[in-house]
Amino acid sequence: MELKFVDKFKCLGHIISNDQRDDEDVLREVRGLFTRTNILARKFKMCSAAVKTVLFKSYCMCFYGMELWKFFYGWCY
């Protein structure tokens, strides 16, 4: 049986790469944060700042597994 090697693999929602860099996984989560924030801003534009803050904290700030982001070089290139 021959083993196949890949450059990256998605496991339990996280992107694992063979070069031990977290950039793609971090950028995926940052894009998701921007998307969720824009949706919240559009749908709840008439709400008060206090309500928006509570919604942001509960809906947009999902950093489950960010302790896996050991190194991030996304904006250093």
PDB file of N, CA and C in Angstrom:
ATOM      1  N   MET A   1       0.847  -1.187   0.000  1.00  0.00           N
ATOM      2  CA  MET A   1       0.000   0.000   0.000  1.00  0.00           C
ATOM      3  C   MET A   1       0.884   1.239   0.000  1.00  0.00           C
ATOM      4  N   GLU A   2       0.572   2.159  -0.876  1.00  0.00           N
ATOM      5  CA  GLU A   2       1.362   3.371  -1.035  1.00  0.00           C
ATOM      6  C   GLU A   2       0.727   4.527  -0.265  1.00  0.00           C
ATOM      7  N   LEU A   3       1.542   5.283   0.480  1.00  0.00           N
ATOM      8  CA  LEU A   3       1.046   6.450   1.212  1.00  0.00           C
ATOM      9  C   LEU A   3       1.001   7.654   0.282  1.00  0.00           C
ATOM     10  N   LYS A   4      -0.070   8.409   0.377  1.00  0.00           N
ATOM     11  CA  LYS A   4      -0.199   9.626  -0.405  1.00  0.00           C
ATOM     12  C   LYS A   4       0.062  10.825   0.497  1.00  0.00           C
ATOM     13  N   PHE A   5       0.818  11.774  -0.009  1.00  0.00           N
ATOM     14  CA  PHE A   5       1.123  12.996   0.731  1.00  0.00           C
ATOM     15  C   PHE A   5       0.426  14.169   0.068  1.00  0.00           C
ATOM     16  N   VAL A   6      -0.077  15.074   0.890  1.00  0.00           N
ATOM     17  CA  VAL A   6      -0.743  16.275   0.399  1.00  0.00           C
ATOM     18  C   VAL A   6      -0.093  17.499   1.036  1.00  0.00           C
ATOM     19  N   ASP A   7      -0.284  18.661   0.400  1.00  0.00           N
ATOM     20  CA  ASP A   7       0.282  19.900   0.931  1.00  0.00           C
ATOM     21  C   ASP A   7      -0.514  20.427   2.119  1.00  0.00           C
ATOM     22  N   LYS A   8      -1.843  20.197   2.076  1.00  0.00           N
ATOM     23  CA  LYS A   8      -2.687  20.654   3.182  1.00  0.00           C
ATOM     24  C   LYS A   8      -3.873  19.723   3.306  1.00  0.00           C
ATOM     25  N   PHE A   9      -4.453  19.737   4.515  1.00  0.00           N
ATOM     26  CA  PHE A   9      -5.561  18.840   4.812  1.00  0.00           C
ATOM     27  C   PHE A   9      -6.459  19.519   5.840  1.00  0.00           C
ATOM     28  N   LYS A  10      -7.767  19.396   5.661  1.00  0.00           N
ATOM     29  CA  LYS A  10      -8.697  19.981   6.623  1.00  0.00           C
ATOM     30  C   LYS A  10      -9.151  18.896   7.591  1.00  0.00           C
ATOM     31  N   CYS A  11      -8.860  19.111   8.882  1.00  0.00           N
ATOM     32  CA  CYS A  11      -9.186  18.138   9.913  1.00  0.00           C
ATOM     33  C   CYS A  11      -9.913  18.861  11.050  1.00  0.00           C
ATOM     34  N   LEU A  12     -11.128  18.430  11.362  1.00  0.00           N
ATOM     35  CA  LEU A  12     -11.938  19.021  12.432  1.00  0.00           C
ATOM     36  C   LEU A  12     -12.096  20.525  12.266  1.00  0.00           C
ATOM     37  N   GLY A  13     -12.198  20.979  11.023  1.00  0.00           N
ATOM     38  CA  GLY A  13     -12.405  22.390  10.739  1.00  0.00           C
ATOM     39  C   GLY A  13     -11.151  23.225  10.674  1.00  0.00           C
ATOM     40  N   HIS A  14      -9.991  22.648  10.923  1.00  0.00           N
ATOM     41  CA  HIS A  14      -8.732  23.382  10.862  1.00  0.00           C
ATOM     42  C   HIS A  14      -7.915  22.894   9.684  1.00  0.00           C
ATOM     43  N   ILE A  15      -7.213  23.816   9.047  1.00  0.00           N
ATOM     44  CA  ILE A  15      -6.368  23.472   7.916  1.00  0.00           C
ATOM     45  C   ILE A  15      -4.969  23.172   8.440  1.00  0.00           C
ATOM     46  N   ILE A  16      -4.522  21.973   8.182  1.00  0.00           N
ATOM     47  CA  ILE A  16      -3.194  21.535   8.606  1.00  0.00           C
ATOM     48  C   ILE A  16      -2.325  21.444   7.359  1.00  0.00           C
ATOM     49  N   SER A  17      -1.178  22.115   7.374  1.00  0.00           N
ATOM     50  CA  SER A  17      -0.298  22.096   6.212  1.00  0.00           C
ATOM     51  C   SER A  17       1.003  21.371   6.544  1.00  0.00           C
ATOM     52  N   ASN A  18       1.667  20.909   5.505  1.00  0.00           N
ATOM     53  CA  ASN A  18       2.890  20.143   5.720  1.00  0.00           C
ATOM     54  C   ASN A  18       4.094  21.020   6.040  1.00  0.00           C
ATOM     55  N   ASP A  19       3.976  22.338   5.886  1.00  0.00           N
ATOM     56  CA  ASP A  19       5.103  23.227   6.205  1.00  0.00           C
ATOM     57  C   ASP A  19       4.985  23.848   7.599  1.00  0.00           C
ATOM     58  N   GLN A  20       4.022  23.388   8.378  1.00  0.00           N
ATOM     59  CA  GLN A  20       3.807  23.807   9.771  1.00  0.00           C
ATOM     60  C   GLN A  20       3.527  25.301   9.910  1.00  0.00           C
ATOM     61  N   ARG A  21       2.840  25.877   8.920  1.00  0.00           N
ATOM     62  CA  ARG A  21       2.456  27.278   8.987  1.00  0.00           C
ATOM     63  C   ARG A  21       0.948  27.356   9.172  1.00  0.00           C
ATOM     64  N   ASP A  22       0.517  28.341   9.912  1.00  0.00           N
ATOM     65  CA  ASP A  22      -0.888  28.485  10.268  1.00  0.00           C
ATOM     66  C   ASP A  22      -1.602  29.521   9.410  1.00  0.00           C
ATOM     67  N   ASP A  23      -0.911  30.114   8.472  1.00  0.00           N
ATOM     68  CA  ASP A  23      -1.441  31.257   7.737  1.00  0.00           C
ATOM     69  C   ASP A  23      -2.801  30.982   7.108  1.00  0.00           C
ATOM     70  N   GLU A  24      -2.956  29.893   6.429  1.00  0.00           N
ATOM     71  CA  GLU A  24      -4.210  29.622   5.728  1.00  0.00           C
ATOM     72  C   GLU A  24      -5.375  29.446   6.701  1.00  0.00           C
ATOM     73  N   ASP A  25      -5.137  28.801   7.813  1.00  0.00           N
ATOM     74  CA  ASP A  25      -6.185  28.600   8.811  1.00  0.00           C
ATOM     75  C   ASP A  25      -6.564  29.921   9.478  1.00  0.00           C
ATOM     76  N   VAL A  26      -5.589  30.746   9.793  1.00  0.00           N
ATOM     77  CA  VAL A  26      -5.848  32.044  10.421  1.00  0.00           C
ATOM     78  C   VAL A  26      -6.598  32.953   9.446  1.00  0.00           C
ATOM     79  N   LEU A  27      -6.151  33.002   8.201  1.00  0.00           N
ATOM     80  CA  LEU A  27      -6.812  33.845   7.211  1.00  0.00           C
ATOM     81  C   LEU A  27      -8.246  33.384   6.950  1.00  0.00           C
ATOM     82  N   ARG A  28      -8.495  32.093   6.977  1.00  0.00           N
ATOM     83  CA  ARG A  28      -9.847  31.568   6.826  1.00  0.00           C
ATOM     84  C   ARG A  28     -10.734  32.080   7.953  1.00  0.00           C
ATOM     85  N   GLU A  29     -10.232  32.065   9.169  1.00  0.00           N
ATOM     86  CA  GLU A  29     -11.014  32.526  10.311  1.00  0.00           C
ATOM     87  C   GLU A  29     -11.195  34.039  10.282  1.00  0.00           C
ATOM     88  N   VAL A  30     -10.188  34.789   9.858  1.00  0.00           N
ATOM     89  CA  VAL A  30     -10.314  36.253   9.761  1.00  0.00           C
ATOM     90  C   VAL A  30     -11.357  36.621   8.709  1.00  0.00           C
ATOM     91  N   ARG A  31     -11.343  35.935   7.562  1.00  0.00           N
ATOM     92  CA  ARG A  31     -12.367  36.175   6.546  1.00  0.00           C
ATOM     93  C   ARG A  31     -13.760  35.883   7.100  1.00  0.00           C
ATOM     94  N   GLY A  32     -13.887  34.813   7.866  1.00  0.00           N
ATOM     95  CA  GLY A  32     -15.167  34.487   8.494  1.00  0.00           C
ATOM     96  C   GLY A  32     -15.610  35.555   9.479  1.00  0.00           C
ATOM     97  N   LEU A  33     -14.661  36.110  10.235  1.00  0.00           N
ATOM     98  CA  LEU A  33     -14.967  37.187  11.177  1.00  0.00           C
ATOM     99  C   LEU A  33     -15.497  38.409  10.448  1.00  0.00           C
ATOM    100  N   PHE A  34     -14.841  38.798   9.356  1.00  0.00           N
ATOM    101  CA  PHE A  34     -15.302  39.945   8.576  1.00  0.00           C
ATOM    102  C   PHE A  34     -16.694  39.689   7.993  1.00  0.00           C
ATOM    103  N   THR A  35     -16.912  38.483   7.510  1.00  0.00           N
ATOM    104  CA  THR A  35     -18.212  38.141   6.938  1.00  0.00           C
ATOM    105  C   THR A  35     -19.308  38.222   7.988  1.00  0.00           C
ATOM    106  N   ARG A  36     -19.083  37.608   9.140  1.00  0.00           N
ATOM    107  CA  ARG A  36     -20.083  37.627  10.208  1.00  0.00           C
ATOM    108  C   ARG A  36     -20.337  39.052  10.703  1.00  0.00           C
ATOM    109  N   THR A  37     -19.276  39.868  10.796  1.00  0.00           N
ATOM    110  CA  THR A  37     -19.420  41.251  11.252  1.00  0.00           C
ATOM    111  C   THR A  37     -20.242  42.068  10.256  1.00  0.00           C
ATOM    112  N   ASN A  38     -19.987  41.891   8.970  1.00  0.00           N
ATOM    113  CA  ASN A  38     -20.753  42.621   7.963  1.00  0.00           C
ATOM    114  C   ASN A  38     -22.219  42.210   7.957  1.00  0.00           C
ATOM    115  N   ILE A  39     -22.485  40.931   8.140  1.00  0.00           N
ATOM    116  CA  ILE A  39     -23.869  40.460   8.221  1.00  0.00           C
ATOM    117  C   ILE A  39     -24.557  41.079   9.430  1.00  0.00           C
ATOM    118  N   LEU A  40     -23.875  41.081  10.562  1.00  0.00           N
ATOM    119  CA  LEU A  40     -24.445  41.669  11.779  1.00  0.00           C
ATOM    120  C   LEU A  40     -24.709  43.160  11.586  1.00  0.00           C
ATOM    121  N   ALA A  41     -23.763  43.876  10.993  1.00  0.00           N
ATOM    122  CA  ALA A  41     -23.932  45.319  10.786  1.00  0.00           C
ATOM    123  C   ALA A  41     -25.103  45.610   9.857  1.00  0.00           C
ATOM    124  N   ARG A  42     -25.300  44.781   8.842  1.00  0.00           N
ATOM    125  CA  ARG A  42     -26.391  44.999   7.898  1.00  0.00           C
ATOM    126  C   ARG A  42     -27.750  44.679   8.517  1.00  0.00           C
ATOM    127  N   LYS A  43     -27.840  43.553   9.208  1.00  0.00           N
ATOM    128  CA  LYS A  43     -29.133  43.116   9.729  1.00  0.00           C
ATOM    129  C   LYS A  43     -29.594  43.894  10.962  1.00  0.00           C
ATOM    130  N   PHE A  44     -28.648  44.405  11.744  1.00  0.00           N
ATOM    131  CA  PHE A  44     -29.000  45.063  13.003  1.00  0.00           C
ATOM    132  C   PHE A  44     -28.561  46.527  13.012  1.00  0.00           C
ATOM    133  N   LYS A  45     -28.605  47.188  11.871  1.00  0.00           N
ATOM    134  CA  LYS A  45     -28.126  48.567  11.783  1.00  0.00           C
ATOM    135  C   LYS A  45     -28.972  49.536  12.608  1.00  0.00           C
ATOM    136  N   MET A  46     -30.215  49.190  12.881  1.00  0.00           N
ATOM    137  CA  MET A  46     -31.092  50.082  13.632  1.00  0.00           C
ATOM    138  C   MET A  46     -30.989  49.870  15.149  1.00  0.00           C
ATOM    139  N   CYS A  47     -30.243  48.904  15.608  1.00  0.00           N
ATOM    140  CA  CYS A  47     -30.117  48.624  17.047  1.00  0.00           C
ATOM    141  C   CYS A  47     -29.112  49.561  17.699  1.00  0.00           C
ATOM    142  N   SER A  48     -29.167  49.636  19.007  1.00  0.00           N
ATOM    143  CA  SER A  48     -28.235  50.490  19.754  1.00  0.00           C
ATOM    144  C   SER A  48     -26.834  49.867  19.761  1.00  0.00           C
ATOM    145  N   ALA A  49     -25.866  50.670  20.143  1.00  0.00           N
ATOM    146  CA  ALA A  49     -24.475  50.196  20.210  1.00  0.00           C
ATOM    147  C   ALA A  49     -24.319  49.088  21.249  1.00  0.00           C
ATOM    148  N   ALA A  50     -25.060  49.175  22.334  1.00  0.00           N
ATOM    149  CA  ALA A  50     -24.977  48.140  23.373  1.00  0.00           C
ATOM    150  C   ALA A  50     -25.456  46.792  22.842  1.00  0.00           C
ATOM    151  N   VAL A  51     -26.547  46.811  22.098  1.00  0.00           N
ATOM    152  CA  VAL A  51     -27.066  45.568  21.523  1.00  0.00           C
ATOM    153  C   VAL A  51     -26.089  45.011  20.504  1.00  0.00           C
ATOM    154  N   LYS A  52     -25.529  45.883  19.676  1.00  0.00           N
ATOM    155  CA  LYS A  52     -24.552  45.450  18.668  1.00  0.00           C
ATOM    156  C   LYS A  52     -23.309  44.846  19.329  1.00  0.00           C
ATOM    157  N   THR A  53     -22.898  45.417  20.443  1.00  0.00           N
ATOM    158  CA  THR A  53     -21.730  44.893  21.156  1.00  0.00           C
ATOM    159  C   THR A  53     -21.994  43.490  21.677  1.00  0.00           C
ATOM    160  N   VAL A  54     -23.155  43.280  22.271  1.00  0.00           N
ATOM    161  CA  VAL A  54     -23.508  41.947  22.773  1.00  0.00           C
ATOM    162  C   VAL A  54     -23.584  40.944  21.617  1.00  0.00           C
ATOM    163  N   LEU A  55     -24.197  41.347  20.524  1.00  0.00           N
ATOM    164  CA  LEU A  55     -24.292  40.464  19.363  1.00  0.00           C
ATOM    165  C   LEU A  55     -22.919  40.143  18.792  1.00  0.00           C
ATOM    166  N   PHE A  56     -22.052  41.151  18.724  1.00  0.00           N
ATOM    167  CA  PHE A  56     -20.701  40.928  18.205  1.00  0.00           C
ATOM    168  C   PHE A  56     -19.934  39.936  19.070  1.00  0.00           C
ATOM    169  N   LYS A  57     -20.003  40.131  20.374  1.00  0.00           N
ATOM    170  CA  LYS A  57     -19.279  39.239  21.288  1.00  0.00           C
ATOM    171  C   LYS A  57     -19.784  37.808  21.225  1.00  0.00           C
ATOM    172  N   SER A  58     -21.071  37.639  21.001  1.00  0.00           N
ATOM    173  CA  SER A  58     -21.624  36.287  20.996  1.00  0.00           C
ATOM    174  C   SER A  58     -21.607  35.642  19.614  1.00  0.00           C
ATOM    175  N   TYR A  59     -21.716  36.429  18.558  1.00  0.00           N
ATOM    176  CA  TYR A  59     -21.853  35.873  17.217  1.00  0.00           C
ATOM    177  C   TYR A  59     -20.568  35.932  16.400  1.00  0.00           C
ATOM    178  N   CYS A  60     -19.798  36.981  16.544  1.00  0.00           N
ATOM    179  CA  CYS A  60     -18.641  37.192  15.663  1.00  0.00           C
ATOM    180  C   CYS A  60     -17.324  36.690  16.244  1.00  0.00           C
ATOM    181  N   MET A  61     -17.174  36.721  17.544  1.00  0.00           N
ATOM    182  CA  MET A  61     -15.889  36.377  18.144  1.00  0.00           C
ATOM    183  C   MET A  61     -15.815  34.888  18.452  1.00  0.00           C
ATOM    184  N   CYS A  62     -15.677  34.107  17.411  1.00  0.00           N
ATOM    185  CA  CYS A  62     -15.559  32.660  17.558  1.00  0.00           C
ATOM    186  C   CYS A  62     -14.128  32.253  17.233  1.00  0.00           C
ATOM    187  N   PHE A  63     -13.301  32.130  18.240  1.00  0.00           N
ATOM    188  CA  PHE A  63     -11.909  31.786  18.029  1.00  0.00           C
ATOM    189  C   PHE A  63     -11.594  30.418  18.619  1.00  0.00           C
ATOM    190  N   TYR A  64     -12.513  29.501  18.436  1.00  0.00           N
ATOM    191  CA  TYR A  64     -12.295  28.132  18.898  1.00  0.00           C
ATOM    192  C   TYR A  64     -11.070  27.565  18.197  1.00  0.00           C
ATOM    193  N   GLY A  65     -10.122  27.097  18.950  1.00  0.00           N
ATOM    194  CA  GLY A  65      -8.924  26.476  18.395  1.00  0.00           C
ATOM    195  C   GLY A  65      -7.829  27.450  18.027  1.00  0.00           C
ATOM    196  N   MET A  66      -7.960  28.714  18.390  1.00  0.00           N
ATOM    197  CA  MET A  66      -6.920  29.665  18.003  1.00  0.00           C
ATOM    198  C   MET A  66      -5.599  29.420  18.728  1.00  0.00           C
ATOM    199  N   GLU A  67      -5.635  28.604  19.775  1.00  0.00           N
ATOM    200  CA  GLU A  67      -4.368  28.252  20.427  1.00  0.00           C
ATOM    201  C   GLU A  67      -3.491  27.411  19.517  1.00  0.00           C
ATOM    202  N   LEU A  68      -4.077  26.886  18.444  1.00  0.00           N
ATOM    203  CA  LEU A  68      -3.295  26.136  17.460  1.00  0.00           C
ATOM    204  C   LEU A  68      -2.532  27.046  16.511  1.00  0.00           C
ATOM    205  N   TRP A  69      -2.865  28.340  16.512  1.00  0.00           N
ATOM    206  CA  TRP A  69      -2.215  29.276  15.611  1.00  0.00           C
ATOM    207  C   TRP A  69      -0.877  29.701  16.205  1.00  0.00           C
ATOM    208  N   LYS A  70       0.085  28.833  16.146  1.00  0.00           N
ATOM    209  CA  LYS A  70       1.375  29.090  16.783  1.00  0.00           C
ATOM    210  C   LYS A  70       2.129  30.225  16.100  1.00  0.00           C
ATOM    211  N   PHE A  71       2.191  30.184  14.795  1.00  0.00           N
ATOM    212  CA  PHE A  71       2.890  31.227  14.034  1.00  0.00           C
ATOM    213  C   PHE A  71       1.934  31.743  12.978  1.00  0.00           C
ATOM    214  N   PHE A  72       1.949  33.045  12.774  1.00  0.00           N
ATOM    215  CA  PHE A  72       1.145  33.642  11.719  1.00  0.00           C
ATOM    216  C   PHE A  72       1.962  34.705  11.014  1.00  0.00           C
ATOM    217  N   TYR A  73       2.185  34.498   9.740  1.00  0.00           N
ATOM    218  CA  TYR A  73       2.996  35.411   8.960  1.00  0.00           C
ATOM    219  C   TYR A  73       2.183  36.089   7.860  1.00  0.00           C
ATOM    220  N   GLY A  74       0.859  36.065   7.949  1.00  0.00           N
ATOM    221  CA  GLY A  74      -0.007  36.532   6.884  1.00  0.00           C
ATOM    222  C   GLY A  74       0.225  37.956   6.444  1.00  0.00           C
ATOM    223  N   TRP A  75       0.478  38.877   7.394  1.00  0.00           N
ATOM    224  CA  TRP A  75       0.645  40.282   7.014  1.00  0.00           C
ATOM    225  C   TRP A  75       2.105  40.708   7.071  1.00  0.00           C
ATOM    226  N   CYS A  76       3.019  39.767   7.153  1.00  0.00           N
ATOM    227  CA  CYS A  76       4.449  40.113   7.244  1.00  0.00           C
ATOM    228  C   CYS A  76       5.186  39.918   5.928  1.00  0.00           C
ATOM    229  N   TYR A  77       4.479  39.513   4.900  1.00  0.00           N
ATOM    230  CA  TYR A  77       5.164  39.269   3.619  1.00  0.00           C
ATOM    231  C   TYR A  77       5.466  40.548   2.902  1.00  0.00           C
TER     232      TYR A  77
END
